[in-house]
Amino acid sequence: MTASSTPELEADRQALIALIGAEAVFHGDFTLSSGKKASYYVDMRKLTLDHRAAPAIGRIMLDLVRTGLGTDADTVVAVGGLTLGADPIANAVMHASVGTEHPLDAFVVRKEPKDHGRGRQVEGADVVGKRVVVLEDTSTTGQSALKAVEALRREGAEPVAVAVIVDRKTGAQQAIEDAGLTWLAAIDLDDLGLQPQ
């Protein structure tokens, strides 16, 4: 369980937890992207693309990056991750950061480099030589985030952390930390009254 840094942000977080519980947790038989089976599925895209939740997600994730990285947060210049899941989160964080002392840009990591034009895999903010944070809506094994990290490193960026909205507590944190990155999670299964699977 992670608390936000101000009462207003904690209120945002509690409201988001309630929305996730009411509208983004589905029970049944599911196969996750990792191939693992689960009896519930947390569909965060339902909320990262929802006008009621997106502004709060931006504020919560911006706060998570700033408080989770401490003084190092000021050196981060952009956030993003593997398309499609990270795209609305990165945009929400970018918009939330506009009025701050250190606004952040956003980037998108394609699953594969383009085979035309400039042939880029990372679009948006210039990340060469820059410290960045990879975002995800939820993570089971951390492999999607690590794929984004690999692409960013090939582009010359310095990924320093992976920040997720919901930590499924199924090994992603260990995989991210084993790769030398900081793991940040805004909400975990305890917050949602769910058990790891």
C-alpha atoms as a PDB file:
ATOM      1  CA  MET A   1       0.000   0.000   0.000  1.00  0.00           C
ATOM      2  CA  THR A   2       1.398   3.368  -1.024  1.00  0.00           C
ATOM      3  CA  ALA A   3      -0.021   6.641   0.251  1.00  0.00           C
ATOM      4  CA  SER A   4       0.112   9.828  -1.794  1.00  0.00           C
ATOM      5  CA  SER A   5       2.073  12.845  -0.617  1.00  0.00           C
ATOM      6  CA  THR A   6      -0.850  15.208   0.079  1.00  0.00           C
ATOM      7  CA  PRO A   7      -4.398  14.764   1.385  1.00  0.00           C
ATOM      8  CA  GLU A   8      -5.752  15.908  -1.996  1.00  0.00           C
ATOM      9  CA  LEU A   9      -3.701  13.294  -3.868  1.00  0.00           C
ATOM     10  CA  GLU A  10      -4.663  10.609  -1.365  1.00  0.00           C
ATOM     11  CA  ALA A  11      -8.318  11.528  -1.980  1.00  0.00           C
ATOM     12  CA  ASP A  12      -7.649  11.116  -5.731  1.00  0.00           C
ATOM     13  CA  ARG A  13      -6.042   7.750  -5.030  1.00  0.00           C
ATOM     14  CA  GLN A  14      -8.927   6.516  -2.891  1.00  0.00           C
ATOM     15  CA  ALA A  15     -11.439   7.636  -5.534  1.00  0.00           C
ATOM     16  CA  LEU A  16      -9.431   5.783  -8.188  1.00  0.00           C
ATOM     17  CA  ILE A  17      -9.294   2.648  -6.026  1.00  0.00           C
ATOM     18  CA  ALA A  18     -13.090   2.798  -5.719  1.00  0.00           C
ATOM     19  CA  LEU A  19     -13.489   3.230  -9.495  1.00  0.00           C
ATOM     20  CA  ILE A  20     -11.140   0.327 -10.201  1.00  0.00           C
ATOM     21  CA  GLY A  21     -13.045  -1.910  -7.796  1.00  0.00           C
ATOM     22  CA  ALA A  22     -16.415  -0.918  -9.235  1.00  0.00           C
ATOM     23  CA  GLU A  23     -15.612  -0.826 -12.946  1.00  0.00           C
ATOM     24  CA  ALA A  24     -12.235  -2.350 -13.839  1.00  0.00           C
ATOM     25  CA  VAL A  25     -12.015  -5.636 -11.914  1.00  0.00           C
ATOM     26  CA  PHE A  26     -13.624  -8.525 -13.782  1.00  0.00           C
ATOM     27  CA  HIS A  27     -14.046 -12.002 -12.290  1.00  0.00           C
ATOM     28  CA  GLY A  28     -13.947 -15.191 -14.368  1.00  0.00           C
ATOM     29  CA  ASP A  29     -11.333 -17.281 -16.163  1.00  0.00           C
ATOM     30  CA  PHE A  30      -8.682 -15.139 -17.854  1.00  0.00           C
ATOM     31  CA  THR A  31      -5.373 -15.721 -19.590  1.00  0.00           C
ATOM     32  CA  LEU A  32      -2.924 -12.885 -18.957  1.00  0.00           C
ATOM     33  CA  SER A  33      -0.413 -11.610 -21.520  1.00  0.00           C
ATOM     34  CA  SER A  34       2.194 -13.662 -19.659  1.00  0.00           C
ATOM     35  CA  GLY A  35       0.200 -16.818 -20.414  1.00  0.00           C
ATOM     36  CA  LYS A  36      -0.667 -17.236 -16.730  1.00  0.00           C
ATOM     37  CA  LYS A  37      -4.252 -18.046 -15.747  1.00  0.00           C
ATOM     38  CA  ALA A  38      -6.181 -15.790 -13.380  1.00  0.00           C
ATOM     39  CA  SER A  39      -9.625 -15.734 -11.801  1.00  0.00           C
ATOM     40  CA  TYR A  40      -9.829 -11.950 -12.128  1.00  0.00           C
ATOM     41  CA  TYR A  41      -8.612  -9.359 -14.597  1.00  0.00           C
ATOM     42  CA  VAL A  42      -7.856  -5.708 -13.844  1.00  0.00           C
ATOM     43  CA  ASP A  43      -8.701  -3.826 -17.050  1.00  0.00           C
ATOM     44  CA  MET A  44      -7.051  -0.466 -16.450  1.00  0.00           C
ATOM     45  CA  ARG A  45      -7.554   0.696 -20.050  1.00  0.00           C
ATOM     46  CA  LYS A  46     -11.203   1.030 -19.134  1.00  0.00           C
ATOM     47  CA  LEU A  47     -10.143   3.807 -16.753  1.00  0.00           C
ATOM     48  CA  THR A  48      -6.975   5.280 -18.285  1.00  0.00           C
ATOM     49  CA  LEU A  49      -9.198   6.250 -21.222  1.00  0.00           C
ATOM     50  CA  ASP A  50     -12.080   7.482 -19.021  1.00  0.00           C
ATOM     51  CA  HIS A  51     -12.592  11.213 -18.393  1.00  0.00           C
ATOM     52  CA  ARG A  52     -13.452  10.564 -14.723  1.00  0.00           C
ATOM     53  CA  ALA A  53     -10.194   8.771 -13.958  1.00  0.00           C
ATOM     54  CA  ALA A  54      -7.557  10.092 -16.370  1.00  0.00           C
ATOM     55  CA  PRO A  55      -6.876  13.439 -14.634  1.00  0.00           C
ATOM     56  CA  ALA A  56      -6.470  11.719 -11.250  1.00  0.00           C
ATOM     57  CA  ILE A  57      -4.230   9.063 -12.826  1.00  0.00           C
ATOM     58  CA  GLY A  58      -2.010  11.825 -14.175  1.00  0.00           C
ATOM     59  CA  ARG A  59      -1.723  13.522 -10.782  1.00  0.00           C
ATOM     60  CA  ILE A  60      -1.222  10.247  -8.880  1.00  0.00           C
ATOM     61  CA  MET A  61       1.452   8.919 -11.236  1.00  0.00           C
ATOM     62  CA  LEU A  62       3.279  12.256 -11.372  1.00  0.00           C
ATOM     63  CA  ASP A  63       3.324  12.295  -7.561  1.00  0.00           C
ATOM     64  CA  LEU A  64       4.487   8.668  -7.491  1.00  0.00           C
ATOM     65  CA  VAL A  65       7.435   9.457  -9.778  1.00  0.00           C
ATOM     66  CA  ARG A  66       8.344  12.620  -7.871  1.00  0.00           C
ATOM     67  CA  THR A  67       8.136  11.103  -4.387  1.00  0.00           C
ATOM     68  CA  GLY A  68       9.432   7.662  -5.393  1.00  0.00           C
ATOM     69  CA  LEU A  69      12.585   9.017  -6.991  1.00  0.00           C
ATOM     70  CA  GLY A  70      13.127  11.858  -4.520  1.00  0.00           C
ATOM     71  CA  THR A  71      15.764  14.359  -5.593  1.00  0.00           C
ATOM     72  CA  ASP A  72      16.522  12.259  -8.680  1.00  0.00           C
ATOM     73  CA  ALA A  73      12.999  13.039  -9.973  1.00  0.00           C
ATOM     74  CA  ASP A  74      14.141  16.496 -11.082  1.00  0.00           C
ATOM     75  CA  THR A  75      16.473  14.891 -13.615  1.00  0.00           C
ATOM     76  CA  VAL A  76      13.698  12.862 -15.301  1.00  0.00           C
ATOM     77  CA  VAL A  77      12.515  14.599 -18.465  1.00  0.00           C
ATOM     78  CA  ALA A  78       9.941  12.224 -19.968  1.00  0.00           C
ATOM     79  CA  VAL A  79       7.589   9.341 -19.267  1.00  0.00           C
ATOM     80  CA  GLY A  80       6.039   6.705 -21.494  1.00  0.00           C
ATOM     81  CA  GLY A  81       6.125   3.065 -22.336  1.00  0.00           C
ATOM     82  CA  LEU A  82       5.071   0.304 -24.631  1.00  0.00           C
ATOM     83  CA  THR A  83       2.094   1.217 -26.768  1.00  0.00           C
ATOM     84  CA  LEU A  84      -0.916   0.889 -26.188  1.00  0.00           C
ATOM     85  CA  GLY A  85      -1.254   0.553 -22.436  1.00  0.00           C
ATOM     86  CA  ALA A  86       1.198   3.284 -21.465  1.00  0.00           C
ATOM     87  CA  ASP A  87       0.051   5.912 -23.969  1.00  0.00           C
ATOM     88  CA  PRO A  88      -2.909   7.429 -22.087  1.00  0.00           C
ATOM     89  CA  ILE A  89      -1.008   7.287 -18.791  1.00  0.00           C
ATOM     90  CA  ALA A  90       1.958   9.162 -20.259  1.00  0.00           C
ATOM     91  CA  ASN A  91      -0.355  11.812 -21.700  1.00  0.00           C
ATOM     92  CA  ALA A  92      -2.157  12.192 -18.366  1.00  0.00           C
ATOM     93  CA  VAL A  93       1.166  12.610 -16.526  1.00  0.00           C
ATOM     94  CA  MET A  94       2.425  15.089 -19.117  1.00  0.00           C
ATOM     95  CA  HIS A  95      -0.723  17.194 -18.734  1.00  0.00           C
ATOM     96  CA  ALA A  96      -0.593  17.001 -14.923  1.00  0.00           C
ATOM     97  CA  SER A  97       3.020  18.214 -14.970  1.00  0.00           C
ATOM     98  CA  VAL A  98       2.428  21.312 -17.109  1.00  0.00           C
ATOM     99  CA  GLY A  99       1.978  23.736 -14.216  1.00  0.00           C
ATOM    100  CA  THR A 100       4.874  22.343 -12.185  1.00  0.00           C
ATOM    101  CA  GLU A 101       8.475  23.480 -11.881  1.00  0.00           C
ATOM    102  CA  HIS A 102       9.659  20.438 -13.865  1.00  0.00           C
ATOM    103  CA  PRO A 103       7.151  19.578 -16.604  1.00  0.00           C
ATOM    104  CA  LEU A 104       7.570  16.206 -18.284  1.00  0.00           C
ATOM    105  CA  ASP A 105       7.258  15.230 -21.914  1.00  0.00           C
ATOM    106  CA  ALA A 106       5.813  11.936 -23.134  1.00  0.00           C
ATOM    107  CA  PHE A 107       7.080   9.218 -25.458  1.00  0.00           C
ATOM    108  CA  VAL A 108       5.629   6.101 -27.059  1.00  0.00           C
ATOM    109  CA  VAL A 109       7.575   2.881 -27.559  1.00  0.00           C
ATOM    110  CA  ARG A 110       6.368   0.899 -30.565  1.00  0.00           C
ATOM    111  CA  LYS A 111       6.355  -2.882 -30.277  1.00  0.00           C
ATOM    112  CA  GLU A 112       8.708  -2.980 -33.287  1.00  0.00           C
ATOM    113  CA  PRO A 113      10.647  -0.245 -35.111  1.00  0.00           C
ATOM    114  CA  LYS A 114       8.832   1.296 -38.081  1.00  0.00           C
ATOM    115  CA  ASP A 115       9.849  -0.200 -41.404  1.00  0.00           C
ATOM    116  CA  HIS A 116       9.458   3.150 -43.176  1.00  0.00           C
ATOM    117  CA  GLY A 117      10.115   6.846 -42.589  1.00  0.00           C
ATOM    118  CA  ARG A 118      12.775   7.334 -39.931  1.00  0.00           C
ATOM    119  CA  GLY A 119      12.446   3.735 -38.764  1.00  0.00           C
ATOM    120  CA  ARG A 120      12.010   4.789 -35.159  1.00  0.00           C
ATOM    121  CA  GLN A 121      10.783   2.632 -32.306  1.00  0.00           C
ATOM    122  CA  VAL A 122      10.545   5.471 -29.765  1.00  0.00           C
ATOM    123  CA  GLU A 123       8.340   8.392 -30.792  1.00  0.00           C
ATOM    124  CA  GLY A 124       7.657  11.724 -29.139  1.00  0.00           C
ATOM    125  CA  ALA A 125      10.096  13.302 -26.720  1.00  0.00           C
ATOM    126  CA  ASP A 126      13.796  13.260 -27.554  1.00  0.00           C
ATOM    127  CA  VAL A 127      15.145  10.675 -25.116  1.00  0.00           C
ATOM    128  CA  VAL A 128      18.778  10.412 -26.240  1.00  0.00           C
ATOM    129  CA  GLY A 129      21.009  10.904 -23.210  1.00  0.00           C
ATOM    130  CA  LYS A 130      17.985  11.657 -21.015  1.00  0.00           C
ATOM    131  CA  ARG A 131      16.648  10.045 -17.830  1.00  0.00           C
ATOM    132  CA  VAL A 132      13.152   8.646 -18.321  1.00  0.00           C
ATOM    133  CA  VAL A 133      10.500   6.612 -16.471  1.00  0.00           C
ATOM    134  CA  VAL A 134       8.596   3.736 -18.054  1.00  0.00           C
ATOM    135  CA  LEU A 135       4.876   3.607 -17.238  1.00  0.00           C
ATOM    136  CA  GLU A 136       2.412   0.721 -17.241  1.00  0.00           C
ATOM    137  CA  ASP A 137      -1.209   0.355 -16.258  1.00  0.00           C
ATOM    138  CA  THR A 138      -0.631  -2.994 -14.540  1.00  0.00           C
ATOM    139  CA  SER A 139       2.102  -5.588 -14.669  1.00  0.00           C
ATOM    140  CA  THR A 140       2.239  -9.342 -14.147  1.00  0.00           C
ATOM    141  CA  THR A 141       5.809 -10.292 -15.072  1.00  0.00           C
ATOM    142  CA  GLY A 142       7.347  -6.928 -15.975  1.00  0.00           C
ATOM    143  CA  GLN A 143       8.230  -8.131 -19.471  1.00  0.00           C
ATOM    144  CA  SER A 144       6.317  -5.395 -21.341  1.00  0.00           C
ATOM    145  CA  ALA A 145       8.075  -2.742 -19.297  1.00  0.00           C
ATOM    146  CA  LEU A 146      11.443  -4.416 -19.855  1.00  0.00           C
ATOM    147  CA  LYS A 147      10.808  -4.522 -23.607  1.00  0.00           C
ATOM    148  CA  ALA A 148      10.260  -0.752 -23.476  1.00  0.00           C
ATOM    149  CA  VAL A 149      13.412  -0.361 -21.353  1.00  0.00           C
ATOM    150  CA  GLU A 150      15.473  -2.282 -23.940  1.00  0.00           C
ATOM    151  CA  ALA A 151      14.152  -0.123 -26.793  1.00  0.00           C
ATOM    152  CA  LEU A 152      14.855   3.057 -24.825  1.00  0.00           C
ATOM    153  CA  ARG A 153      18.396   1.957 -24.036  1.00  0.00           C
ATOM    154  CA  ARG A 154      18.999   1.208 -27.738  1.00  0.00           C
ATOM    155  CA  GLU A 155      17.866   4.785 -28.457  1.00  0.00           C
ATOM    156  CA  GLY A 156      20.406   6.114 -25.955  1.00  0.00           C
ATOM    157  CA  ALA A 157      17.960   6.921 -23.128  1.00  0.00           C
ATOM    158  CA  GLU A 158      18.583   6.164 -19.462  1.00  0.00           C
ATOM    159  CA  PRO A 159      15.487   4.500 -17.974  1.00  0.00           C
ATOM    160  CA  VAL A 160      15.623   4.864 -14.183  1.00  0.00           C
ATOM    161  CA  ALA A 161      12.302   3.434 -13.010  1.00  0.00           C
ATOM    162  CA  VAL A 162       9.131   1.598 -13.923  1.00  0.00           C
ATOM    163  CA  ALA A 163       5.930   3.045 -12.447  1.00  0.00           C
ATOM    164  CA  VAL A 164       2.646   1.122 -12.552  1.00  0.00           C
ATOM    165  CA  ILE A 165      -0.848   2.085 -11.509  1.00  0.00           C
ATOM    166  CA  VAL A 166      -1.720  -1.402 -10.179  1.00  0.00           C
ATOM    167  CA  ASP A 167       0.869  -3.904  -8.939  1.00  0.00           C
ATOM    168  CA  ARG A 168      -0.505  -7.457  -9.358  1.00  0.00           C
ATOM    169  CA  LYS A 169       2.229  -8.757  -6.979  1.00  0.00           C
ATOM    170  CA  THR A 170       3.130 -11.590  -9.330  1.00  0.00           C
ATOM    171  CA  GLY A 171       6.852 -11.070  -9.835  1.00  0.00           C
ATOM    172  CA  ALA A 172       7.057  -7.893 -11.899  1.00  0.00           C
ATOM    173  CA  GLN A 173       8.743  -5.913  -9.127  1.00  0.00           C
ATOM    174  CA  GLN A 174      11.548  -8.463  -8.799  1.00  0.00           C
ATOM    175  CA  ALA A 175      12.112  -8.561 -12.567  1.00  0.00           C
ATOM    176  CA  ILE A 176      12.305  -4.758 -12.743  1.00  0.00           C
ATOM    177  CA  GLU A 177      14.637  -4.477  -9.760  1.00  0.00           C
ATOM    178  CA  ASP A 178      16.828  -7.286 -11.142  1.00  0.00           C
ATOM    179  CA  ALA A 179      17.240  -5.098 -14.242  1.00  0.00           C
ATOM    180  CA  GLY A 180      18.651  -2.321 -12.035  1.00  0.00           C
ATOM    181  CA  LEU A 181      15.554  -0.109 -12.084  1.00  0.00           C
ATOM    182  CA  THR A 182      13.425   1.399  -9.331  1.00  0.00           C
ATOM    183  CA  TRP A 183       9.942  -0.117  -8.991  1.00  0.00           C
ATOM    184  CA  LEU A 184       7.075   2.267  -8.178  1.00  0.00           C
ATOM    185  CA  ALA A 185       3.418   1.261  -7.720  1.00  0.00           C
ATOM    186  CA  ALA A 186       0.492   3.525  -6.871  1.00  0.00           C
ATOM    187  CA  ILE A 187      -2.003   0.804  -5.929  1.00  0.00           C
ATOM    188  CA  ASP A 188      -1.594  -2.833  -4.988  1.00  0.00           C
ATOM    189  CA  LEU A 189      -3.889  -5.814  -4.576  1.00  0.00           C
ATOM    190  CA  ASP A 190      -4.364  -5.136  -0.851  1.00  0.00           C
ATOM    191  CA  ASP A 191      -5.882  -1.770  -1.783  1.00  0.00           C
ATOM    192  CA  LEU A 192      -8.327  -3.574  -4.086  1.00  0.00           C
ATOM    193  CA  GLY A 193      -9.106  -6.422  -1.689  1.00  0.00           C
ATOM    194  CA  LEU A 194      -7.637  -8.982  -4.131  1.00  0.00           C
ATOM    195  CA  GLN A 195      -5.192 -11.842  -3.626  1.00  0.00           C
ATOM    196  CA  PRO A 196      -2.094 -12.491  -5.762  1.00  0.00           C
ATOM    197  CA  GLN A 197      -2.530 -15.327  -8.287  1.00  0.00           C
END
